[in-house]
Amino acid sequence: MPKHKTMSDTLRERLTAEFESGTSLRTIEADVGVIRQSLAKFIRHEQSLRLDMADKLAERYGLELRPATKQKGR
């Protein structure tokens, strides 16, 4: 069974892509209210984010959590 991407994986991918495209962590910090040190450590897999911080990033990237569709046999 293939491993599904976690919420952290998805948020990290989006955050990393935005940062690598030229948006500074200082700008992201100002926009979402999550300190840039936390964002940098999250990108480097050194720490996770609190759920309220993850909520802010998810809103920035237009992501939402919803129940998975039921798979055959479940």
PDB file of N, CA and C in Angstrom:
ATOM      1  N   MET A   1       0.854  -1.176   0.000  1.00  0.00           N
ATOM      2  CA  MET A   1       0.000   0.000   0.000  1.00  0.00           C
ATOM      3  C   MET A   1       0.903   1.244   0.000  1.00  0.00           C
ATOM      4  N   PRO A   2       0.686   2.175  -0.920  1.00  0.00           N
ATOM      5  CA  PRO A   2       1.545   3.353  -0.995  1.00  0.00           C
ATOM      6  C   PRO A   2       1.345   4.266   0.214  1.00  0.00           C
ATOM      7  N   LYS A   3       2.419   4.889   0.648  1.00  0.00           N
ATOM      8  CA  LYS A   3       2.341   5.824   1.766  1.00  0.00           C
ATOM      9  C   LYS A   3       1.712   7.121   1.273  1.00  0.00           C
ATOM     10  N   HIS A   4       0.748   7.596   2.025  1.00  0.00           N
ATOM     11  CA  HIS A   4       0.102   8.866   1.685  1.00  0.00           C
ATOM     12  C   HIS A   4       0.932  10.009   2.238  1.00  0.00           C
ATOM     13  N   LYS A   5       0.915  11.130   1.538  1.00  0.00           N
ATOM     14  CA  LYS A   5       1.585  12.322   2.037  1.00  0.00           C
ATOM     15  C   LYS A   5       0.861  12.823   3.274  1.00  0.00           C
ATOM     16  N   THR A   6       1.632  13.258   4.238  1.00  0.00           N
ATOM     17  CA  THR A   6       1.042  13.822   5.448  1.00  0.00           C
ATOM     18  C   THR A   6       0.728  15.296   5.230  1.00  0.00           C
ATOM     19  N   MET A   7      -0.016  15.859   6.167  1.00  0.00           N
ATOM     20  CA  MET A   7      -0.289  17.300   6.118  1.00  0.00           C
ATOM     21  C   MET A   7       1.030  18.065   6.202  1.00  0.00           C
ATOM     22  N   SER A   8       1.929  17.600   7.056  1.00  0.00           N
ATOM     23  CA  SER A   8       3.231  18.261   7.179  1.00  0.00           C
ATOM     24  C   SER A   8       4.000  18.218   5.877  1.00  0.00           C
ATOM     25  N   ASP A   9       3.976  17.073   5.201  1.00  0.00           N
ATOM     26  CA  ASP A   9       4.668  16.959   3.906  1.00  0.00           C
ATOM     27  C   ASP A   9       4.139  18.000   2.921  1.00  0.00           C
ATOM     28  N   THR A  10       2.830  18.103   2.833  1.00  0.00           N
ATOM     29  CA  THR A  10       2.204  19.028   1.890  1.00  0.00           C
ATOM     30  C   THR A  10       2.532  20.472   2.241  1.00  0.00           C
ATOM     31  N   LEU A  11       2.408  20.826   3.517  1.00  0.00           N
ATOM     32  CA  LEU A  11       2.729  22.194   3.935  1.00  0.00           C
ATOM     33  C   LEU A  11       4.200  22.511   3.703  1.00  0.00           C
ATOM     34  N   ARG A  12       5.072  21.547   4.020  1.00  0.00           N
ATOM     35  CA  ARG A  12       6.508  21.767   3.829  1.00  0.00           C
ATOM     36  C   ARG A  12       6.831  21.974   2.353  1.00  0.00           C
ATOM     37  N   GLU A  13       6.220  21.185   1.480  1.00  0.00           N
ATOM     38  CA  GLU A  13       6.440  21.336   0.032  1.00  0.00           C
ATOM     39  C   GLU A  13       6.025  22.717  -0.444  1.00  0.00           C
ATOM     40  N   ARG A  14       4.850  23.171  -0.026  1.00  0.00           N
ATOM     41  CA  ARG A  14       4.340  24.477  -0.455  1.00  0.00           C
ATOM     42  C   ARG A  14       5.217  25.605   0.082  1.00  0.00           C
ATOM     43  N   LEU A  15       5.567  25.522   1.358  1.00  0.00           N
ATOM     44  CA  LEU A  15       6.400  26.539   1.976  1.00  0.00           C
ATOM     45  C   LEU A  15       7.780  26.590   1.325  1.00  0.00           C
ATOM     46  N   THR A  16       8.378  25.438   1.111  1.00  0.00           N
ATOM     47  CA  THR A  16       9.697  25.366   0.480  1.00  0.00           C
ATOM     48  C   THR A  16       9.654  25.944  -0.926  1.00  0.00           C
ATOM     49  N   ALA A  17       8.623  25.591  -1.686  1.00  0.00           N
ATOM     50  CA  ALA A  17       8.498  26.101  -3.059  1.00  0.00           C
ATOM     51  C   ALA A  17       8.374  27.616  -3.067  1.00  0.00           C
ATOM     52  N   GLU A  18       7.579  28.162  -2.158  1.00  0.00           N
ATOM     53  CA  GLU A  18       7.423  29.611  -2.101  1.00  0.00           C
ATOM     54  C   GLU A  18       8.745  30.276  -1.725  1.00  0.00           C
ATOM     55  N   PHE A  19       9.433  29.723  -0.733  1.00  0.00           N
ATOM     56  CA  PHE A  19      10.712  30.273  -0.296  1.00  0.00           C
ATOM     57  C   PHE A  19      11.743  30.204  -1.423  1.00  0.00           C
ATOM     58  N   GLU A  20      11.808  29.064  -2.106  1.00  0.00           N
ATOM     59  CA  GLU A  20      12.784  28.903  -3.190  1.00  0.00           C
ATOM     60  C   GLU A  20      12.459  29.766  -4.405  1.00  0.00           C
ATOM     61  N   SER A  21      11.203  30.184  -4.525  1.00  0.00           N
ATOM     62  CA  SER A  21      10.833  31.063  -5.645  1.00  0.00           C
ATOM     63  C   SER A  21      11.168  32.520  -5.359  1.00  0.00           C
ATOM     64  N   GLY A  22      11.666  32.794  -4.148  1.00  0.00           N
ATOM     65  CA  GLY A  22      12.127  34.137  -3.859  1.00  0.00           C
ATOM     66  C   GLY A  22      11.406  34.884  -2.752  1.00  0.00           C
ATOM     67  N   THR A  23      10.354  34.321  -2.207  1.00  0.00           N
ATOM     68  CA  THR A  23       9.664  34.971  -1.099  1.00  0.00           C
ATOM     69  C   THR A  23      10.466  34.726   0.172  1.00  0.00           C
ATOM     70  N   SER A  24      10.779  35.777   0.893  1.00  0.00           N
ATOM     71  CA  SER A  24      11.585  35.619   2.108  1.00  0.00           C
ATOM     72  C   SER A  24      10.732  35.067   3.251  1.00  0.00           C
ATOM     73  N   LEU A  25      11.402  34.388   4.170  1.00  0.00           N
ATOM     74  CA  LEU A  25      10.697  33.895   5.358  1.00  0.00           C
ATOM     75  C   LEU A  25      10.200  35.070   6.193  1.00  0.00           C
ATOM     76  N   ARG A  26      10.876  36.192   6.124  1.00  0.00           N
ATOM     77  CA  ARG A  26      10.433  37.401   6.836  1.00  0.00           C
ATOM     78  C   ARG A  26       9.064  37.843   6.299  1.00  0.00           C
ATOM     79  N   THR A  27       8.890  37.790   4.976  1.00  0.00           N
ATOM     80  CA  THR A  27       7.611  38.163   4.367  1.00  0.00           C
ATOM     81  C   THR A  27       6.514  37.186   4.778  1.00  0.00           C
ATOM     82  N   ILE A  28       6.825  35.901   4.732  1.00  0.00           N
ATOM     83  CA  ILE A  28       5.833  34.889   5.122  1.00  0.00           C
ATOM     84  C   ILE A  28       5.476  35.061   6.594  1.00  0.00           C
ATOM     85  N   GLU A  29       6.489  35.313   7.419  1.00  0.00           N
ATOM     86  CA  GLU A  29       6.263  35.556   8.845  1.00  0.00           C
ATOM     87  C   GLU A  29       5.283  36.713   9.039  1.00  0.00           C
ATOM     88  N   ALA A  30       5.502  37.804   8.332  1.00  0.00           N
ATOM     89  CA  ALA A  30       4.633  38.983   8.465  1.00  0.00           C
ATOM     90  C   ALA A  30       3.212  38.686   7.987  1.00  0.00           C
ATOM     91  N   ASP A  31       3.086  37.902   6.945  1.00  0.00           N
ATOM     92  CA  ASP A  31       1.773  37.607   6.369  1.00  0.00           C
ATOM     93  C   ASP A  31       0.945  36.646   7.213  1.00  0.00           C
ATOM     94  N   VAL A  32       1.589  35.624   7.786  1.00  0.00           N
ATOM     95  CA  VAL A  32       0.818  34.589   8.490  1.00  0.00           C
ATOM     96  C   VAL A  32       0.990  34.599  10.000  1.00  0.00           C
ATOM     97  N   GLY A  33       1.993  35.316  10.506  1.00  0.00           N
ATOM     98  CA  GLY A  33       2.163  35.399  11.950  1.00  0.00           C
ATOM     99  C   GLY A  33       2.892  34.226  12.577  1.00  0.00           C
ATOM    100  N   VAL A  34       3.646  33.490  11.779  1.00  0.00           N
ATOM    101  CA  VAL A  34       4.469  32.385  12.291  1.00  0.00           C
ATOM    102  C   VAL A  34       5.922  32.838  12.190  1.00  0.00           C
ATOM    103  N   ILE A  35       6.660  32.782  13.307  1.00  0.00           N
ATOM    104  CA  ILE A  35       8.015  33.324  13.285  1.00  0.00           C
ATOM    105  C   ILE A  35       8.904  32.561  12.303  1.00  0.00           C
ATOM    106  N   ARG A  36       9.767  33.308  11.648  1.00  0.00           N
ATOM    107  CA  ARG A  36      10.583  32.738  10.566  1.00  0.00           C
ATOM    108  C   ARG A  36      11.520  31.645  11.048  1.00  0.00           C
ATOM    109  N   GLN A  37      11.966  31.698  12.299  1.00  0.00           N
ATOM    110  CA  GLN A  37      12.817  30.633  12.816  1.00  0.00           C
ATOM    111  C   GLN A  37      12.064  29.301  12.834  1.00  0.00           C
ATOM    112  N   SER A  38      10.798  29.351  13.192  1.00  0.00           N
ATOM    113  CA  SER A  38       9.970  28.137  13.180  1.00  0.00           C
ATOM    114  C   SER A  38       9.774  27.636  11.751  1.00  0.00           C
ATOM    115  N   LEU A  39       9.565  28.564  10.824  1.00  0.00           N
ATOM    116  CA  LEU A  39       9.400  28.190   9.418  1.00  0.00           C
ATOM    117  C   LEU A  39      10.677  27.545   8.881  1.00  0.00           C
ATOM    118  N   ALA A  40      11.828  28.130   9.205  1.00  0.00           N
ATOM    119  CA  ALA A  40      13.104  27.596   8.724  1.00  0.00           C
ATOM    120  C   ALA A  40      13.366  26.207   9.294  1.00  0.00           C
ATOM    121  N   LYS A  41      13.105  26.017  10.575  1.00  0.00           N
ATOM    122  CA  LYS A  41      13.309  24.703  11.198  1.00  0.00           C
ATOM    123  C   LYS A  41      12.342  23.673  10.620  1.00  0.00           C
ATOM    124  N   PHE A  42      11.132  24.105  10.306  1.00  0.00           N
ATOM    125  CA  PHE A  42      10.152  23.204   9.694  1.00  0.00           C
ATOM    126  C   PHE A  42      10.622  22.773   8.311  1.00  0.00           C
ATOM    127  N   ILE A  43      11.107  23.706   7.510  1.00  0.00           N
ATOM    128  CA  ILE A  43      11.618  23.387   6.175  1.00  0.00           C
ATOM    129  C   ILE A  43      12.756  22.375   6.265  1.00  0.00           C
ATOM    130  N   ARG A  44      13.637  22.541   7.265  1.00  0.00           N
ATOM    131  CA  ARG A  44      14.804  21.661   7.418  1.00  0.00           C
ATOM    132  C   ARG A  44      14.488  20.361   8.157  1.00  0.00           C
ATOM    133  N   HIS A  45      13.217  20.093   8.457  1.00  0.00           N
ATOM    134  CA  HIS A  45      12.798  18.884   9.173  1.00  0.00           C
ATOM    135  C   HIS A  45      13.374  18.827  10.583  1.00  0.00           C
ATOM    136  N   GLU A  46      13.637  19.976  11.190  1.00  0.00           N
ATOM    137  CA  GLU A  46      14.192  20.015  12.541  1.00  0.00           C
ATOM    138  C   GLU A  46      13.111  20.112  13.610  1.00  0.00           C
ATOM    139  N   GLN A  47      11.929  20.558  13.226  1.00  0.00           N
ATOM    140  CA  GLN A  47      10.816  20.625  14.174  1.00  0.00           C
ATOM    141  C   GLN A  47       9.511  20.616  13.404  1.00  0.00           C
ATOM    142  N   SER A  48       8.468  20.270  14.127  1.00  0.00           N
ATOM    143  CA  SER A  48       7.140  20.311  13.524  1.00  0.00           C
ATOM    144  C   SER A  48       6.508  21.659  13.865  1.00  0.00           C
ATOM    145  N   LEU A  49       5.318  21.868  13.357  1.00  0.00           N
ATOM    146  CA  LEU A  49       4.582  23.097  13.642  1.00  0.00           C
ATOM    147  C   LEU A  49       3.410  22.791  14.552  1.00  0.00           C
ATOM    148  N   ARG A  50       3.088  23.728  15.429  1.00  0.00           N
ATOM    149  CA  ARG A  50       1.856  23.594  16.201  1.00  0.00           C
ATOM    150  C   ARG A  50       0.688  23.633  15.225  1.00  0.00           C
ATOM    151  N   LEU A  51      -0.405  23.064  15.614  1.00  0.00           N
ATOM    152  CA  LEU A  51      -1.561  22.978  14.730  1.00  0.00           C
ATOM    153  C   LEU A  51      -2.082  24.355  14.327  1.00  0.00           C
ATOM    154  N   ASP A  52      -2.064  25.329  15.227  1.00  0.00           N
ATOM    155  CA  ASP A  52      -2.543  26.668  14.864  1.00  0.00           C
ATOM    156  C   ASP A  52      -1.639  27.309  13.816  1.00  0.00           C
ATOM    157  N   MET A  53      -0.341  27.014  13.861  1.00  0.00           N
ATOM    158  CA  MET A  53       0.573  27.525  12.841  1.00  0.00           C
ATOM    159  C   MET A  53       0.324  26.830  11.506  1.00  0.00           C
ATOM    160  N   ALA A  54       0.106  25.529  11.565  1.00  0.00           N
ATOM    161  CA  ALA A  54      -0.191  24.777  10.346  1.00  0.00           C
ATOM    162  C   ALA A  54      -1.484  25.290   9.710  1.00  0.00           C
ATOM    163  N   ASP A  55      -2.463  25.632  10.536  1.00  0.00           N
ATOM    164  CA  ASP A  55      -3.727  26.195  10.031  1.00  0.00           C
ATOM    165  C   ASP A  55      -3.473  27.471   9.226  1.00  0.00           C
ATOM    166  N   LYS A  56      -2.590  28.321   9.737  1.00  0.00           N
ATOM    167  CA  LYS A  56      -2.292  29.585   9.054  1.00  0.00           C
ATOM    168  C   LYS A  56      -1.623  29.342   7.699  1.00  0.00           C
ATOM    169  N   LEU A  57      -0.698  28.400   7.663  1.00  0.00           N
ATOM    170  CA  LEU A  57      -0.050  28.082   6.386  1.00  0.00           C
ATOM    171  C   LEU A  57      -1.037  27.440   5.418  1.00  0.00           C
ATOM    172  N   ALA A  58      -1.882  26.540   5.928  1.00  0.00           N
ATOM    173  CA  ALA A  58      -2.878  25.893   5.070  1.00  0.00           C
ATOM    174  C   ALA A  58      -3.805  26.932   4.444  1.00  0.00           C
ATOM    175  N   GLU A  59      -4.190  27.917   5.219  1.00  0.00           N
ATOM    176  CA  GLU A  59      -5.045  28.977   4.681  1.00  0.00           C
ATOM    177  C   GLU A  59      -4.300  29.765   3.611  1.00  0.00           C
ATOM    178  N   ARG A  60      -3.037  30.069   3.838  1.00  0.00           N
ATOM    179  CA  ARG A  60      -2.229  30.811   2.867  1.00  0.00           C
ATOM    180  C   ARG A  60      -2.171  30.085   1.531  1.00  0.00           C
ATOM    181  N   TYR A  61      -2.050  28.755   1.583  1.00  0.00           N
ATOM    182  CA  TYR A  61      -1.890  27.958   0.373  1.00  0.00           C
ATOM    183  C   TYR A  61      -3.204  27.388  -0.153  1.00  0.00           C
ATOM    184  N   GLY A  62      -4.315  27.789   0.443  1.00  0.00           N
ATOM    185  CA  GLY A  62      -5.622  27.343  -0.039  1.00  0.00           C
ATOM    186  C   GLY A  62      -5.855  25.855   0.160  1.00  0.00           C
ATOM    187  N   LEU A  63      -5.310  25.312   1.230  1.00  0.00           N
ATOM    188  CA  LEU A  63      -5.457  23.883   1.505  1.00  0.00           C
ATOM    189  C   LEU A  63      -6.535  23.675   2.553  1.00  0.00           C
ATOM    190  N   GLU A  64      -7.222  22.559   2.451  1.00  0.00           N
ATOM    191  CA  GLU A  64      -8.221  22.218   3.455  1.00  0.00           C
ATOM    192  C   GLU A  64      -8.153  20.727   3.750  1.00  0.00           C
ATOM    193  N   LEU A  65      -8.500  20.391   4.950  1.00  0.00           N
ATOM    194  CA  LEU A  65      -8.529  19.001   5.386  1.00  0.00           C
ATOM    195  C   LEU A  65      -9.952  18.489   5.225  1.00  0.00           C
ATOM    196  N   ARG A  66     -10.078  17.348   4.607  1.00  0.00           N
ATOM    197  CA  ARG A  66     -11.403  16.754   4.447  1.00  0.00           C
ATOM    198  C   ARG A  66     -11.268  15.243   4.546  1.00  0.00           C
ATOM    199  N   PRO A  67     -12.348  14.572   4.869  1.00  0.00           N
ATOM    200  CA  PRO A  67     -12.276  13.117   4.979  1.00  0.00           C
ATOM    201  C   PRO A  67     -11.880  12.485   3.644  1.00  0.00           C
ATOM    202  N   ALA A  68     -11.090  11.449   3.720  1.00  0.00           N
ATOM    203  CA  ALA A  68     -10.719  10.706   2.517  1.00  0.00           C
ATOM    204  C   ALA A  68     -11.942   9.937   2.027  1.00  0.00           C
ATOM    205  N   THR A  69     -12.005   9.721   0.726  1.00  0.00           N
ATOM    206  CA  THR A  69     -13.080   8.901   0.186  1.00  0.00           C
ATOM    207  C   THR A  69     -12.848   7.473   0.636  1.00  0.00           C
ATOM    208  N   LYS A  70     -13.910   6.757   0.875  1.00  0.00           N
ATOM    209  CA  LYS A  70     -13.772   5.379   1.312  1.00  0.00           C
ATOM    210  C   LYS A  70     -13.219   4.532   0.186  1.00  0.00           C
ATOM    211  N   GLN A  71     -12.242   3.721   0.534  1.00  0.00           N
ATOM    212  CA  GLN A  71     -11.625   2.848  -0.470  1.00  0.00           C
ATOM    213  C   GLN A  71     -12.377   1.515  -0.494  1.00  0.00           C
ATOM    214  N   LYS A  72     -12.336   0.875  -1.633  1.00  0.00           N
ATOM    215  CA  LYS A  72     -12.998  -0.405  -1.809  1.00  0.00           C
ATOM    216  C   LYS A  72     -12.485  -1.398  -0.762  1.00  0.00           C
ATOM    217  N   GLY A  73     -13.398  -2.098  -0.134  1.00  0.00           N
ATOM    218  CA  GLY A  73     -13.020  -3.099   0.853  1.00  0.00           C
ATOM    219  C   GLY A  73     -12.915  -2.560   2.265  1.00  0.00           C
ATOM    220  N   ARG A  74     -13.222  -1.302   2.462  1.00  0.00           N
ATOM    221  CA  ARG A  74     -13.157  -0.716   3.814  1.00  0.00           C
ATOM    222  C   ARG A  74     -14.524  -0.398   4.310  1.00  0.00           C
TER     223      ARG A  74
END
